[in-house]
Amino acid sequence: MFIQTHMTKIKVDKEKCIGCGACVSICPASFEMFEGKAREKKTEVKKITCEKEAAESCPVNAISVK
């Protein structure tokens, strides 16, 4: 039996990011600050935990979770 595992991709658009840190506060397991901007700690996750909430909290919509 073949079971397909679906990975969710996380991406921070560094051009849009204003470095407010909301995503890091909400989801430190997946986001961190680097040189004044947010970045992904990992680009894919098997199970979404706090990533969508972090994306929704971004004031400039710099985070995509697909």
Protein backbone atom coordinates (compact mmCIF):
# COMPACT_ATOMS: atom_id res chain seq x y z
CA MET A 1 0.00 0.00 0.00
CA PHE A 2 1.37 3.40 -1.03
CA ILE A 3 0.62 6.36 1.24
CA GLN A 4 1.45 9.77 -0.18
CA THR A 5 2.78 12.24 2.33
CA HIS A 6 1.91 15.86 1.68
CA MET A 7 4.46 18.48 2.59
CA THR A 8 3.41 22.08 3.15
CA LYS A 9 5.80 24.70 1.82
CA ILE A 10 6.65 27.81 3.84
CA LYS A 11 8.17 30.89 2.20
CA VAL A 12 9.02 34.37 3.45
CA ASP A 13 9.28 37.05 0.78
CA LYS A 14 12.29 38.97 2.07
CA GLU A 15 11.53 41.92 -0.22
CA LYS A 16 8.13 42.42 1.45
CA CYS A 17 9.21 41.63 5.03
CA ILE A 18 9.43 44.69 7.29
CA GLY A 19 11.01 42.78 10.19
CA CYS A 20 8.17 43.23 12.69
CA GLY A 21 8.81 39.78 14.21
CA ALA A 22 5.15 38.78 14.56
CA CYS A 23 5.73 35.44 12.83
CA VAL A 24 8.65 34.62 15.13
CA SER A 25 6.56 35.45 18.20
CA ILE A 26 3.72 33.23 17.03
CA CYS A 27 5.71 30.37 15.52
CA PRO A 28 9.36 30.29 16.66
CA ALA A 29 9.67 26.65 15.58
CA SER A 30 9.40 27.67 11.91
CA PHE A 31 10.55 31.31 11.74
CA GLU A 32 13.52 33.31 12.98
CA MET A 33 14.94 36.79 12.54
CA PHE A 34 18.12 37.20 10.51
CA GLU A 35 19.69 40.54 9.63
CA GLY A 36 16.50 42.39 10.55
CA LYS A 37 14.15 40.23 8.45
CA ALA A 38 12.19 37.06 9.09
CA ARG A 39 13.26 33.84 7.45
CA GLU A 40 12.13 30.24 7.46
CA LYS A 41 13.87 27.80 9.78
CA LYS A 42 12.51 25.08 7.51
CA THR A 43 10.94 25.38 4.07
CA GLU A 44 8.58 22.40 4.40
CA VAL A 45 6.55 20.88 7.22
CA LYS A 46 4.58 17.65 7.35
CA LYS A 47 1.96 19.04 9.70
CA ILE A 48 0.89 22.66 9.98
CA THR A 49 0.91 23.85 13.57
CA CYS A 50 1.33 27.60 13.93
CA GLU A 51 2.54 28.50 10.42
CA LYS A 52 -0.82 29.63 9.03
CA GLU A 53 -1.48 31.82 12.06
CA ALA A 54 1.95 33.39 11.62
CA ALA A 55 1.23 34.05 7.94
CA GLU A 56 -2.13 35.62 8.78
CA SER A 57 -0.47 37.88 11.36
CA CYS A 58 2.01 39.33 8.86
CA PRO A 59 1.00 42.95 8.24
CA VAL A 60 2.52 42.97 4.73
CA ASN A 61 1.55 39.43 3.64
CA ALA A 62 5.17 38.37 3.21
CA ILE A 63 4.55 34.73 4.25
CA SER A 64 3.02 32.03 2.11
CA VAL A 65 1.99 28.62 3.40
CA LYS A 66 0.98 26.22 0.60
